[in-house]
Amino acid sequence: MRTATTVEGSDPATVDFVVEAERLGLDECWVAEAWGSDAPSVLGFLAARTERIRLGSGIVQVGTRTPVAVAQAALTLDALSGGRFALGLGSSGPGVIEGLHGVPFARPLTRMRETIEVVRQAFAGEKIAYSGTTVSIPLPGGEGRPMRLSMPANPDLPIYVASLSPRMLELTGEVADGWLGTSFVPEGASAYFDHLDAGLARSGRSRADLTVCQGAEVAFAQDEAELASMVAARRRGLAFSLGGMGTASTNFYHDAYARQGWSEIADAARERWQAGDRDGAAALVPDEMVLATTLLGTEEMVRARLAVWRDAGVDTVRLYPAGENLDERLTTLGRAISLVADAS
């Protein structure tokens, strides 16, 4: 397995963390956007400060930029990094797309497909012309004509999709080079892979044609008491995913955990969280659920868990290292990178 992490540019320690992570041997760094700093600006700066590590947008949110603007950013970042860039796209959710950007969230599946098709035209150096449901280029009735970008073509620039829902997972398998996953429980991985495989089959491909990049928090405990403390601290974050991400009616994280065998807990935690009882929601999350979806434990526990991830079909493990400061996070990351190497 390859190793990766995800960072966000508003953290002042981001650049130092990534530079040192590269020195430790990390293979990839994905830059998040969400409702914080934008991804392309951070990636451009990291391209200038790193030499080897692969850089990716994890993710650029479709609908917040035109498809051609996405392609321009991707081609630019790939050129600046010397061919080290991968484009990660995601639909986000109505809370961010409509609430923050003021863009309709309608038809996210169609928008993702059409965005990727336009981006691939741009990557191939073709004149860009597209007539779809969410994208029309050139603008109908206007004076514009199809144009091609003046940048060198790069048809092999990889596109990853972050997806959780069944239909978006199928689209990922059908059209993407890689899958950026989260909320992953390897024992329930069929909830993801059945849909990815259906999409792969639709395009005449197999699992070997799709890179699976899956992430989780990693932390090392010296004994059972320290592990219990780590698990307790993680409960609230997991309860937030179940009840606070998205909106009351649209929460892809809740639904993903429910499909992996945690539906009763997911429903109950969401109900408590939406009612304002954050502590009550966190208390409903059992230790088993925390340990199932993270890489927390003693070194031997994490080593064994990484083998389970590998056997489940994960090609790249995206590590979110715990720590109170930069040095602690890097120490955790270094230990985890060594364990991934042992499990590969």
C-alpha atoms as a PDB file:
ATOM      1  CA  MET A   1       0.000   0.000   0.000  1.00  0.00           C
ATOM      2  CA  ARG A   2       0.990   3.589  -0.626  1.00  0.00           C
ATOM      3  CA  THR A   3       0.713   6.202   2.104  1.00  0.00           C
ATOM      4  CA  ALA A   4      -1.061   9.547   1.971  1.00  0.00           C
ATOM      5  CA  THR A   5      -2.477  12.268   4.166  1.00  0.00           C
ATOM      6  CA  THR A   6      -4.948  15.133   3.857  1.00  0.00           C
ATOM      7  CA  VAL A   7      -4.230  18.699   4.943  1.00  0.00           C
ATOM      8  CA  GLU A   8      -6.106  21.988   4.942  1.00  0.00           C
ATOM      9  CA  GLY A   9      -4.394  25.258   4.116  1.00  0.00           C
ATOM     10  CA  SER A  10      -5.752  27.411   6.929  1.00  0.00           C
ATOM     11  CA  ASP A  11      -3.588  25.511   9.435  1.00  0.00           C
ATOM     12  CA  PRO A  12      -0.377  27.584   9.789  1.00  0.00           C
ATOM     13  CA  ALA A  13       1.655  24.393  10.237  1.00  0.00           C
ATOM     14  CA  THR A  14       0.490  22.872   6.949  1.00  0.00           C
ATOM     15  CA  VAL A  15       3.567  23.610   4.859  1.00  0.00           C
ATOM     16  CA  ASP A  16       6.058  22.468   7.506  1.00  0.00           C
ATOM     17  CA  PHE A  17       4.010  19.319   8.056  1.00  0.00           C
ATOM     18  CA  VAL A  18       3.952  18.397   4.362  1.00  0.00           C
ATOM     19  CA  VAL A  19       7.658  19.139   3.829  1.00  0.00           C
ATOM     20  CA  GLU A  20       8.587  16.922   6.773  1.00  0.00           C
ATOM     21  CA  ALA A  21       6.070  14.251   5.738  1.00  0.00           C
ATOM     22  CA  GLU A  22       7.795  14.034   2.366  1.00  0.00           C
ATOM     23  CA  ARG A  23      11.122  13.577   4.163  1.00  0.00           C
ATOM     24  CA  LEU A  24       9.572  10.738   6.196  1.00  0.00           C
ATOM     25  CA  GLY A  25       8.668   8.934   2.983  1.00  0.00           C
ATOM     26  CA  LEU A  26       4.976   9.797   2.578  1.00  0.00           C
ATOM     27  CA  ASP A  27       3.825   9.107  -0.981  1.00  0.00           C
ATOM     28  CA  GLU A  28       0.883  11.492  -1.421  1.00  0.00           C
ATOM     29  CA  CYS A  29      -0.674  14.629   0.052  1.00  0.00           C
ATOM     30  CA  TRP A  30      -4.273  15.606  -0.661  1.00  0.00           C
ATOM     31  CA  VAL A  31      -5.449  19.149   0.066  1.00  0.00           C
ATOM     32  CA  ALA A  32      -8.998  19.669   1.311  1.00  0.00           C
ATOM     33  CA  GLU A  33     -11.219  22.630   0.575  1.00  0.00           C
ATOM     34  CA  ALA A  34     -14.571  22.249   2.395  1.00  0.00           C
ATOM     35  CA  TRP A  35     -15.473  25.644   3.897  1.00  0.00           C
ATOM     36  CA  GLY A  36     -11.903  26.721   4.657  1.00  0.00           C
ATOM     37  CA  SER A  37      -9.029  27.657   2.384  1.00  0.00           C
ATOM     38  CA  ASP A  38      -9.242  26.815  -1.299  1.00  0.00           C
ATOM     39  CA  ALA A  39      -7.266  23.809  -2.538  1.00  0.00           C
ATOM     40  CA  PRO A  40      -5.495  25.030  -5.721  1.00  0.00           C
ATOM     41  CA  SER A  41      -3.725  27.953  -4.019  1.00  0.00           C
ATOM     42  CA  VAL A  42      -2.316  25.684  -1.313  1.00  0.00           C
ATOM     43  CA  LEU A  43      -1.320  23.041  -3.854  1.00  0.00           C
ATOM     44  CA  GLY A  44       0.600  25.595  -5.905  1.00  0.00           C
ATOM     45  CA  PHE A  45       2.571  26.655  -2.845  1.00  0.00           C
ATOM     46  CA  LEU A  46       3.246  23.048  -1.843  1.00  0.00           C
ATOM     47  CA  ALA A  47       4.437  22.277  -5.373  1.00  0.00           C
ATOM     48  CA  ALA A  48       7.189  24.864  -4.875  1.00  0.00           C
ATOM     49  CA  ARG A  49       8.196  23.519  -1.466  1.00  0.00           C
ATOM     50  CA  THR A  50       8.288  19.783  -2.262  1.00  0.00           C
ATOM     51  CA  GLU A  51      10.191  17.637  -4.736  1.00  0.00           C
ATOM     52  CA  ARG A  52       8.863  14.100  -4.817  1.00  0.00           C
ATOM     53  CA  ILE A  53       5.520  13.759  -3.089  1.00  0.00           C
ATOM     54  CA  ARG A  54       2.385  13.436  -5.195  1.00  0.00           C
ATOM     55  CA  LEU A  55      -0.077  16.289  -4.689  1.00  0.00           C
ATOM     56  CA  GLY A  56      -3.842  16.088  -5.144  1.00  0.00           C
ATOM     57  CA  SER A  57      -6.962  18.129  -4.606  1.00  0.00           C
ATOM     58  CA  GLY A  58      -8.972  16.330  -2.001  1.00  0.00           C
ATOM     59  CA  ILE A  59     -11.362  17.712  -3.088  1.00  0.00           C
ATOM     60  CA  VAL A  60     -12.311  20.480  -5.509  1.00  0.00           C
ATOM     61  CA  GLN A  61     -16.070  20.858  -5.210  1.00  0.00           C
ATOM     62  CA  VAL A  62     -17.894  20.622  -8.541  1.00  0.00           C
ATOM     63  CA  GLY A  63     -20.377  23.415  -9.088  1.00  0.00           C
ATOM     64  CA  THR A  64     -18.247  26.070  -7.402  1.00  0.00           C
ATOM     65  CA  ARG A  65     -16.120  26.523 -10.553  1.00  0.00           C
ATOM     66  CA  THR A  66     -16.813  25.965 -14.225  1.00  0.00           C
ATOM     67  CA  PRO A  67     -15.484  22.646 -15.559  1.00  0.00           C
ATOM     68  CA  VAL A  68     -12.959  24.478 -17.724  1.00  0.00           C
ATOM     69  CA  ALA A  69     -11.703  26.452 -14.715  1.00  0.00           C
ATOM     70  CA  VAL A  70     -11.210  23.127 -12.934  1.00  0.00           C
ATOM     71  CA  ALA A  71      -9.258  21.782 -15.905  1.00  0.00           C
ATOM     72  CA  GLN A  72      -7.122  24.937 -16.109  1.00  0.00           C
ATOM     73  CA  ALA A  73      -6.209  24.674 -12.432  1.00  0.00           C
ATOM     74  CA  ALA A  74      -5.384  20.971 -12.761  1.00  0.00           C
ATOM     75  CA  LEU A  75      -3.167  21.393 -15.814  1.00  0.00           C
ATOM     76  CA  THR A  76      -1.427  24.375 -14.210  1.00  0.00           C
ATOM     77  CA  LEU A  77      -0.758  22.508 -10.969  1.00  0.00           C
ATOM     78  CA  ASP A  78       0.526  19.475 -12.832  1.00  0.00           C
ATOM     79  CA  ALA A  79       2.946  21.660 -14.778  1.00  0.00           C
ATOM     80  CA  LEU A  80       4.118  23.540 -11.673  1.00  0.00           C
ATOM     81  CA  SER A  81       4.706  20.288  -9.779  1.00  0.00           C
ATOM     82  CA  GLY A  82       6.561  18.550 -12.589  1.00  0.00           C
ATOM     83  CA  GLY A  83       3.812  16.013 -13.255  1.00  0.00           C
ATOM     84  CA  ARG A  84       3.004  15.224  -9.625  1.00  0.00           C
ATOM     85  CA  PHE A  85      -0.658  16.275  -9.553  1.00  0.00           C
ATOM     86  CA  ALA A  86      -3.920  14.307  -9.381  1.00  0.00           C
ATOM     87  CA  LEU A  87      -7.329  15.966  -9.648  1.00  0.00           C
ATOM     88  CA  GLY A  88      -9.747  14.980  -6.899  1.00  0.00           C
ATOM     89  CA  LEU A  89     -13.380  16.016  -7.361  1.00  0.00           C
ATOM     90  CA  GLY A  90     -16.390  15.769  -5.086  1.00  0.00           C
ATOM     91  CA  SER A  91     -19.996  16.904  -5.056  1.00  0.00           C
ATOM     92  CA  SER A  92     -19.884  18.110  -1.424  1.00  0.00           C
ATOM     93  CA  GLY A  93     -23.422  18.605  -0.060  1.00  0.00           C
ATOM     94  CA  PRO A  94     -26.242  21.137   0.023  1.00  0.00           C
ATOM     95  CA  GLY A  95     -25.023  22.667   3.281  1.00  0.00           C
ATOM     96  CA  VAL A  96     -21.821  23.918   1.619  1.00  0.00           C
ATOM     97  CA  ILE A  97     -22.857  24.186  -2.040  1.00  0.00           C
ATOM     98  CA  GLU A  98     -26.123  26.022  -1.402  1.00  0.00           C
ATOM     99  CA  GLY A  99     -25.493  27.490   2.035  1.00  0.00           C
ATOM    100  CA  LEU A 100     -21.995  28.841   1.402  1.00  0.00           C
ATOM    101  CA  HIS A 101     -21.653  29.188  -2.360  1.00  0.00           C
ATOM    102  CA  GLY A 102     -25.267  29.930  -3.290  1.00  0.00           C
ATOM    103  CA  VAL A 103     -25.190  27.332  -6.079  1.00  0.00           C
ATOM    104  CA  PRO A 104     -28.045  24.825  -6.499  1.00  0.00           C
ATOM    105  CA  PHE A 105     -27.107  21.328  -5.348  1.00  0.00           C
ATOM    106  CA  ALA A 106     -29.594  19.788  -7.793  1.00  0.00           C
ATOM    107  CA  ARG A 107     -28.383  16.954 -10.035  1.00  0.00           C
ATOM    108  CA  PRO A 108     -24.991  16.338  -8.337  1.00  0.00           C
ATOM    109  CA  LEU A 109     -24.535  13.028 -10.171  1.00  0.00           C
ATOM    110  CA  THR A 110     -25.189  14.601 -13.574  1.00  0.00           C
ATOM    111  CA  ARG A 111     -22.994  17.579 -12.738  1.00  0.00           C
ATOM    112  CA  MET A 112     -20.126  15.274 -11.750  1.00  0.00           C
ATOM    113  CA  ARG A 113     -20.374  13.215 -14.934  1.00  0.00           C
ATOM    114  CA  GLU A 114     -20.617  16.262 -17.177  1.00  0.00           C
ATOM    115  CA  THR A 115     -17.797  18.068 -15.383  1.00  0.00           C
ATOM    116  CA  ILE A 116     -15.480  15.084 -15.834  1.00  0.00           C
ATOM    117  CA  GLU A 117     -16.382  14.764 -19.514  1.00  0.00           C
ATOM    118  CA  VAL A 118     -15.573  18.439 -20.133  1.00  0.00           C
ATOM    119  CA  VAL A 119     -12.375  18.237 -18.066  1.00  0.00           C
ATOM    120  CA  ARG A 120     -11.205  15.265 -20.111  1.00  0.00           C
ATOM    121  CA  GLN A 121     -11.842  17.230 -23.336  1.00  0.00           C
ATOM    122  CA  ALA A 122      -9.645  20.000 -21.968  1.00  0.00           C
ATOM    123  CA  PHE A 123      -6.951  17.556 -20.809  1.00  0.00           C
ATOM    124  CA  ALA A 124      -6.880  16.008 -24.295  1.00  0.00           C
ATOM    125  CA  GLY A 125      -6.269  19.390 -25.934  1.00  0.00           C
ATOM    126  CA  GLU A 126      -9.554  19.282 -27.833  1.00  0.00           C
ATOM    127  CA  LYS A 127     -11.797  22.188 -28.702  1.00  0.00           C
ATOM    128  CA  ILE A 128     -14.247  22.263 -25.836  1.00  0.00           C
ATOM    129  CA  ALA A 129     -17.847  21.833 -26.889  1.00  0.00           C
ATOM    130  CA  TYR A 130     -20.479  20.253 -24.660  1.00  0.00           C
ATOM    131  CA  SER A 131     -24.260  20.270 -24.490  1.00  0.00           C
ATOM    132  CA  GLY A 132     -25.533  18.718 -21.283  1.00  0.00           C
ATOM    133  CA  THR A 133     -28.071  19.195 -18.537  1.00  0.00           C
ATOM    134  CA  THR A 134     -25.830  21.184 -16.178  1.00  0.00           C
ATOM    135  CA  VAL A 135     -23.066  22.272 -18.567  1.00  0.00           C
ATOM    136  CA  SER A 136     -23.340  23.974 -21.966  1.00  0.00           C
ATOM    137  CA  ILE A 137     -20.176  25.163 -23.694  1.00  0.00           C
ATOM    138  CA  PRO A 138     -20.159  27.466 -25.627  1.00  0.00           C
ATOM    139  CA  LEU A 139     -23.096  29.289 -24.074  1.00  0.00           C
ATOM    140  CA  PRO A 140     -26.160  28.649 -26.283  1.00  0.00           C
ATOM    141  CA  GLY A 141     -27.334  31.724 -28.147  1.00  0.00           C
ATOM    142  CA  GLY A 142     -24.152  33.619 -27.434  1.00  0.00           C
ATOM    143  CA  GLU A 143     -21.352  34.739 -29.686  1.00  0.00           C
ATOM    144  CA  GLY A 144     -18.733  32.316 -28.457  1.00  0.00           C
ATOM    145  CA  ARG A 145     -17.268  29.432 -30.442  1.00  0.00           C
ATOM    146  CA  PRO A 146     -15.562  26.270 -29.198  1.00  0.00           C
ATOM    147  CA  MET A 147     -12.018  26.921 -28.022  1.00  0.00           C
ATOM    148  CA  ARG A 148      -9.131  24.814 -26.785  1.00  0.00           C
ATOM    149  CA  LEU A 149      -6.812  25.702 -23.945  1.00  0.00           C
ATOM    150  CA  SER A 150      -3.416  27.056 -24.937  1.00  0.00           C
ATOM    151  CA  MET A 151      -1.688  24.839 -22.369  1.00  0.00           C
ATOM    152  CA  PRO A 152      -0.032  21.557 -23.414  1.00  0.00           C
ATOM    153  CA  ALA A 153      -2.421  18.611 -23.429  1.00  0.00           C
ATOM    154  CA  ASN A 154      -2.145  15.959 -20.733  1.00  0.00           C
ATOM    155  CA  PRO A 155      -4.790  13.272 -21.325  1.00  0.00           C
ATOM    156  CA  ASP A 156      -3.265  10.962 -18.708  1.00  0.00           C
ATOM    157  CA  LEU A 157      -3.709  13.341 -15.766  1.00  0.00           C
ATOM    158  CA  PRO A 158      -5.597  11.157 -13.246  1.00  0.00           C
ATOM    159  CA  ILE A 159      -9.045  12.051 -11.935  1.00  0.00           C
ATOM    160  CA  TYR A 160     -10.219  10.766  -8.555  1.00  0.00           C
ATOM    161  CA  VAL A 161     -13.774  11.083  -7.245  1.00  0.00           C
ATOM    162  CA  ALA A 162     -14.753  11.333  -3.579  1.00  0.00           C
ATOM    163  CA  SER A 163     -18.009   9.433  -3.268  1.00  0.00           C
ATOM    164  CA  LEU A 164     -20.192   7.799  -0.623  1.00  0.00           C
ATOM    165  CA  SER A 165     -23.676   7.265  -2.090  1.00  0.00           C
ATOM    166  CA  PRO A 166     -24.415   4.180  -4.225  1.00  0.00           C
ATOM    167  CA  ARG A 167     -25.034   6.049  -7.471  1.00  0.00           C
ATOM    168  CA  MET A 168     -21.977   8.260  -7.099  1.00  0.00           C
ATOM    169  CA  LEU A 169     -19.886   5.194  -6.279  1.00  0.00           C
ATOM    170  CA  GLU A 170     -21.101   3.556  -9.487  1.00  0.00           C
ATOM    171  CA  LEU A 171     -20.164   6.666 -11.439  1.00  0.00           C
ATOM    172  CA  THR A 172     -16.733   6.608  -9.777  1.00  0.00           C
ATOM    173  CA  GLY A 173     -16.168   3.058 -10.943  1.00  0.00           C
ATOM    174  CA  GLU A 174     -17.373   3.934 -14.416  1.00  0.00           C
ATOM    175  CA  VAL A 175     -15.394   7.109 -15.176  1.00  0.00           C
ATOM    176  CA  ALA A 176     -12.674   7.769 -12.558  1.00  0.00           C
ATOM    177  CA  ASP A 177      -9.069   6.670 -12.189  1.00  0.00           C
ATOM    178  CA  GLY A 178      -9.314   6.551  -8.406  1.00  0.00           C
ATOM    179  CA  TRP A 179     -11.714   6.640  -5.465  1.00  0.00           C
ATOM    180  CA  LEU A 180     -11.206   8.936  -2.486  1.00  0.00           C
ATOM    181  CA  GLY A 181     -13.125   7.195   0.269  1.00  0.00           C
ATOM    182  CA  THR A 182     -13.936   7.906   3.885  1.00  0.00           C
ATOM    183  CA  SER A 183     -16.175   6.567   6.673  1.00  0.00           C
ATOM    184  CA  PHE A 184     -14.725   3.154   5.896  1.00  0.00           C
ATOM    185  CA  VAL A 185     -15.294  -0.045   7.854  1.00  0.00           C
ATOM    186  CA  PRO A 186     -13.434  -2.851   6.047  1.00  0.00           C
ATOM    187  CA  GLU A 187     -15.786  -5.512   7.426  1.00  0.00           C
ATOM    188  CA  GLY A 188     -18.624  -3.674   5.652  1.00  0.00           C
ATOM    189  CA  ALA A 189     -16.642  -2.731   2.548  1.00  0.00           C
ATOM    190  CA  SER A 190     -19.101  -4.458   0.212  1.00  0.00           C
ATOM    191  CA  ALA A 191     -21.390  -1.477   0.816  1.00  0.00           C
ATOM    192  CA  TYR A 192     -18.868   0.478  -1.253  1.00  0.00           C
ATOM    193  CA  PHE A 193     -17.218  -2.084  -3.499  1.00  0.00           C
ATOM    194  CA  ASP A 194     -20.425  -3.624  -4.849  1.00  0.00           C
ATOM    195  CA  HIS A 195     -21.331  -0.248  -6.361  1.00  0.00           C
ATOM    196  CA  LEU A 196     -17.791   0.569  -7.495  1.00  0.00           C
ATOM    197  CA  ASP A 197     -17.571  -2.836  -9.190  1.00  0.00           C
ATOM    198  CA  ALA A 198     -20.909  -2.289 -10.940  1.00  0.00           C
ATOM    199  CA  GLY A 199     -19.589   0.941 -12.409  1.00  0.00           C
ATOM    200  CA  LEU A 200     -16.316  -0.672 -13.395  1.00  0.00           C
ATOM    201  CA  ALA A 201     -18.156  -3.467 -15.183  1.00  0.00           C
ATOM    202  CA  ARG A 202     -20.283  -0.915 -17.043  1.00  0.00           C
ATOM    203  CA  SER A 203     -17.118   0.594 -18.522  1.00  0.00           C
ATOM    204  CA  GLY A 204     -15.482  -2.778 -19.215  1.00  0.00           C
ATOM    205  CA  ARG A 205     -12.930  -2.385 -16.432  1.00  0.00           C
ATOM    206  CA  SER A 206     -11.933  -4.273 -13.296  1.00  0.00           C
ATOM    207  CA  ARG A 207     -10.881  -3.324  -9.755  1.00  0.00           C
ATOM    208  CA  ALA A 208      -7.265  -3.234 -10.948  1.00  0.00           C
ATOM    209  CA  ASP A 209      -8.171  -0.179 -13.047  1.00  0.00           C
ATOM    210  CA  LEU A 210      -9.301   1.869 -10.046  1.00  0.00           C
ATOM    211  CA  THR A 211      -6.986   3.103  -7.284  1.00  0.00           C
ATOM    212  CA  VAL A 212      -8.688   2.858  -3.879  1.00  0.00           C
ATOM    213  CA  CYS A 213      -7.500   5.605  -1.522  1.00  0.00           C
ATOM    214  CA  GLN A 214      -9.089   5.322   1.904  1.00  0.00           C
ATOM    215  CA  GLY A 215      -8.474   7.397   5.029  1.00  0.00           C
ATOM    216  CA  ALA A 216      -8.686   7.263   8.810  1.00  0.00           C
ATOM    217  CA  GLU A 217      -7.258   8.792  11.962  1.00  0.00           C
ATOM    218  CA  VAL A 218      -4.173   7.021  13.297  1.00  0.00           C
ATOM    219  CA  ALA A 219      -2.890   7.161  16.876  1.00  0.00           C
ATOM    220  CA  PHE A 220      -0.790   4.862  19.040  1.00  0.00           C
ATOM    221  CA  ALA A 221      -1.663   3.912  22.599  1.00  0.00           C
ATOM    222  CA  GLN A 222       0.808   2.520  25.106  1.00  0.00           C
ATOM    223  CA  ASP A 223      -1.801   0.613  27.103  1.00  0.00           C
ATOM    224  CA  GLU A 224      -5.530  -0.032  27.440  1.00  0.00           C
ATOM    225  CA  ALA A 225      -6.123   3.057  29.582  1.00  0.00           C
ATOM    226  CA  GLU A 226      -4.618   5.363  26.986  1.00  0.00           C
ATOM    227  CA  LEU A 227      -6.559   3.616  24.238  1.00  0.00           C
ATOM    228  CA  ALA A 228      -9.811   4.062  26.146  1.00  0.00           C
ATOM    229  CA  SER A 229      -9.077   7.782  26.375  1.00  0.00           C
ATOM    230  CA  MET A 230      -8.401   7.995  22.634  1.00  0.00           C
ATOM    231  CA  VAL A 231     -11.617   6.173  21.800  1.00  0.00           C
ATOM    232  CA  ALA A 232     -13.640   8.417  24.101  1.00  0.00           C
ATOM    233  CA  ALA A 233     -12.169  11.520  22.478  1.00  0.00           C
ATOM    234  CA  ARG A 234     -13.051  10.238  18.990  1.00  0.00           C
ATOM    235  CA  ARG A 235     -16.716   9.551  19.795  1.00  0.00           C
ATOM    236  CA  ARG A 236     -17.800  13.170  19.415  1.00  0.00           C
ATOM    237  CA  GLY A 237     -16.194  13.509  15.992  1.00  0.00           C
ATOM    238  CA  LEU A 238     -17.918  10.374  14.820  1.00  0.00           C
ATOM    239  CA  ALA A 239     -21.233  11.579  16.258  1.00  0.00           C
ATOM    240  CA  PHE A 240     -20.774  14.813  14.291  1.00  0.00           C
ATOM    241  CA  SER A 241     -20.330  12.788  11.088  1.00  0.00           C
ATOM    242  CA  LEU A 242     -23.509  10.853  11.857  1.00  0.00           C
ATOM    243  CA  GLY A 243     -25.652  13.799  12.867  1.00  0.00           C
ATOM    244  CA  GLY A 244     -24.033  17.106  11.992  1.00  0.00           C
ATOM    245  CA  MET A 245     -22.498  16.742   8.534  1.00  0.00           C
ATOM    246  CA  GLY A 246     -24.745  17.929   5.734  1.00  0.00           C
ATOM    247  CA  THR A 247     -28.328  18.766   6.605  1.00  0.00           C
ATOM    248  CA  ALA A 248     -31.055  17.039   8.597  1.00  0.00           C
ATOM    249  CA  SER A 249     -32.282  15.286   5.446  1.00  0.00           C
ATOM    250  CA  THR A 250     -29.044  14.901   3.446  1.00  0.00           C
ATOM    251  CA  ASN A 251     -26.062  13.388   5.237  1.00  0.00           C
ATOM    252  CA  PHE A 252     -23.948  11.081   3.081  1.00  0.00           C
ATOM    253  CA  TYR A 253     -21.702  10.106   6.011  1.00  0.00           C
ATOM    254  CA  HIS A 254     -24.638   8.932   8.120  1.00  0.00           C
ATOM    255  CA  ASP A 255     -25.969   6.909   5.200  1.00  0.00           C
ATOM    256  CA  ALA A 256     -22.572   5.333   4.493  1.00  0.00           C
ATOM    257  CA  TYR A 257     -22.187   4.095   8.056  1.00  0.00           C
ATOM    258  CA  ALA A 258     -25.771   2.845   8.049  1.00  0.00           C
ATOM    259  CA  ARG A 259     -25.101   0.739   4.938  1.00  0.00           C
ATOM    260  CA  GLN A 260     -22.030  -0.783   6.621  1.00  0.00           C
ATOM    261  CA  GLY A 261     -24.029  -2.266   9.496  1.00  0.00           C
ATOM    262  CA  TRP A 262     -24.408   0.645  11.922  1.00  0.00           C
ATOM    263  CA  SER A 263     -27.881   1.872  10.942  1.00  0.00           C
ATOM    264  CA  GLU A 264     -29.518   1.815  14.404  1.00  0.00           C
ATOM    265  CA  ILE A 265     -26.667   3.689  16.045  1.00  0.00           C
ATOM    266  CA  ALA A 266     -26.411   6.110  13.119  1.00  0.00           C
ATOM    267  CA  ASP A 267     -30.132   6.933  13.313  1.00  0.00           C
ATOM    268  CA  ALA A 268     -30.137   7.359  17.069  1.00  0.00           C
ATOM    269  CA  ALA A 269     -27.016   9.533  17.096  1.00  0.00           C
ATOM    270  CA  ARG A 270     -28.400  11.720  14.320  1.00  0.00           C
ATOM    271  CA  GLU A 271     -31.647  12.203  16.228  1.00  0.00           C
ATOM    272  CA  ARG A 272     -29.802  13.269  19.379  1.00  0.00           C
ATOM    273  CA  TRP A 273     -27.426  15.541  17.473  1.00  0.00           C
ATOM    274  CA  GLN A 274     -30.189  17.256  15.524  1.00  0.00           C
ATOM    275  CA  ALA A 275     -32.060  17.813  18.801  1.00  0.00           C
ATOM    276  CA  GLY A 276     -29.034  19.664  20.175  1.00  0.00           C
ATOM    277  CA  ASP A 277     -27.880  16.886  22.511  1.00  0.00           C
ATOM    278  CA  ARG A 278     -24.268  16.615  21.333  1.00  0.00           C
ATOM    279  CA  ASP A 279     -23.044  14.762  24.418  1.00  0.00           C
ATOM    280  CA  GLY A 280     -25.932  12.330  24.189  1.00  0.00           C
ATOM    281  CA  ALA A 281     -25.154  11.629  20.543  1.00  0.00           C
ATOM    282  CA  ALA A 282     -21.502  10.966  21.340  1.00  0.00           C
ATOM    283  CA  ALA A 283     -22.425   8.627  24.207  1.00  0.00           C
ATOM    284  CA  LEU A 284     -24.339   6.420  21.778  1.00  0.00           C
ATOM    285  CA  VAL A 285     -21.233   5.675  19.701  1.00  0.00           C
ATOM    286  CA  PRO A 286     -19.740   2.382  20.953  1.00  0.00           C
ATOM    287  CA  ASP A 287     -16.043   1.602  21.239  1.00  0.00           C
ATOM    288  CA  GLU A 288     -16.399  -1.047  18.547  1.00  0.00           C
ATOM    289  CA  MET A 289     -17.589   1.504  16.005  1.00  0.00           C
ATOM    290  CA  VAL A 290     -14.716   3.878  16.729  1.00  0.00           C
ATOM    291  CA  LEU A 291     -12.129   1.109  16.409  1.00  0.00           C
ATOM    292  CA  ALA A 292     -13.775  -0.277  13.263  1.00  0.00           C
ATOM    293  CA  THR A 293     -13.424   2.951  11.312  1.00  0.00           C
ATOM    294  CA  THR A 294     -10.096   4.267  12.621  1.00  0.00           C
ATOM    295  CA  LEU A 295      -6.507   3.123  13.074  1.00  0.00           C
ATOM    296  CA  LEU A 296      -6.302   3.606  16.822  1.00  0.00           C
ATOM    297  CA  GLY A 297      -4.545   1.193  19.136  1.00  0.00           C
ATOM    298  CA  THR A 298      -1.247  -0.263  20.179  1.00  0.00           C
ATOM    299  CA  GLU A 299       1.361  -0.710  17.484  1.00  0.00           C
ATOM    300  CA  GLU A 300       0.395  -4.350  17.087  1.00  0.00           C
ATOM    301  CA  MET A 301      -3.302  -3.456  16.835  1.00  0.00           C
ATOM    302  CA  VAL A 302      -2.629  -0.862  14.131  1.00  0.00           C
ATOM    303  CA  ARG A 303      -0.349  -3.275  12.273  1.00  0.00           C
ATOM    304  CA  ALA A 304      -3.069  -5.924  12.267  1.00  0.00           C
ATOM    305  CA  ARG A 305      -5.717  -3.427  11.242  1.00  0.00           C
ATOM    306  CA  LEU A 306      -3.641  -2.234   8.284  1.00  0.00           C
ATOM    307  CA  ALA A 307      -3.466  -5.826   7.054  1.00  0.00           C
ATOM    308  CA  VAL A 308      -7.273  -5.954   7.180  1.00  0.00           C
ATOM    309  CA  TRP A 309      -7.459  -2.763   5.120  1.00  0.00           C
ATOM    310  CA  ARG A 310      -4.993  -4.174   2.608  1.00  0.00           C
ATOM    311  CA  ASP A 311      -6.934  -7.413   2.278  1.00  0.00           C
ATOM    312  CA  ALA A 312     -10.192  -5.479   1.866  1.00  0.00           C
ATOM    313  CA  GLY A 313      -8.792  -3.855  -1.283  1.00  0.00           C
ATOM    314  CA  VAL A 314      -7.246  -0.562  -0.159  1.00  0.00           C
ATOM    315  CA  ASP A 315      -4.355   0.528  -2.397  1.00  0.00           C
ATOM    316  CA  THR A 316      -3.465   3.791  -0.623  1.00  0.00           C
ATOM    317  CA  VAL A 317      -4.081   4.455   3.058  1.00  0.00           C
ATOM    318  CA  ARG A 318      -4.690   8.121   3.862  1.00  0.00           C
ATOM    319  CA  LEU A 319      -3.396   8.790   7.370  1.00  0.00           C
ATOM    320  CA  TYR A 320      -4.667  11.512   9.706  1.00  0.00           C
ATOM    321  CA  PRO A 321      -2.013  11.421  12.445  1.00  0.00           C
ATOM    322  CA  ALA A 322      -2.993  12.428  15.968  1.00  0.00           C
ATOM    323  CA  GLY A 323      -0.837  14.734  18.072  1.00  0.00           C
ATOM    324  CA  GLU A 324      -0.981  17.895  20.160  1.00  0.00           C
ATOM    325  CA  ASN A 325       1.666  19.664  18.062  1.00  0.00           C
ATOM    326  CA  LEU A 326       3.598  19.350  14.816  1.00  0.00           C
ATOM    327  CA  ASP A 327       6.338  17.135  16.259  1.00  0.00           C
ATOM    328  CA  GLU A 328       3.846  14.697  17.769  1.00  0.00           C
ATOM    329  CA  ARG A 329       1.840  14.480  14.545  1.00  0.00           C
ATOM    330  CA  LEU A 330       4.989  13.806  12.539  1.00  0.00           C
ATOM    331  CA  THR A 331       6.150  11.170  15.012  1.00  0.00           C
ATOM    332  CA  THR A 332       2.796   9.413  14.704  1.00  0.00           C
ATOM    333  CA  LEU A 333       2.933   9.671  10.929  1.00  0.00           C
ATOM    334  CA  GLY A 334       6.437   8.233  10.763  1.00  0.00           C
ATOM    335  CA  ARG A 335       5.443   5.221  12.857  1.00  0.00           C
ATOM    336  CA  ALA A 336       2.386   4.649  10.687  1.00  0.00           C
ATOM    337  CA  ILE A 337       4.365   4.873   7.441  1.00  0.00           C
ATOM    338  CA  SER A 338       6.697   2.149   8.724  1.00  0.00           C
ATOM    339  CA  LEU A 339       3.771  -0.092   9.602  1.00  0.00           C
ATOM    340  CA  VAL A 340       2.169   0.392   6.182  1.00  0.00           C
ATOM    341  CA  ALA A 341       5.461  -0.643   4.588  1.00  0.00           C
ATOM    342  CA  ASP A 342       5.435  -3.810   6.704  1.00  0.00           C
ATOM    343  CA  ALA A 343       1.846  -4.587   5.672  1.00  0.00           C
ATOM    344  CA  SER A 344       2.457  -4.068   1.951  1.00  0.00           C
END
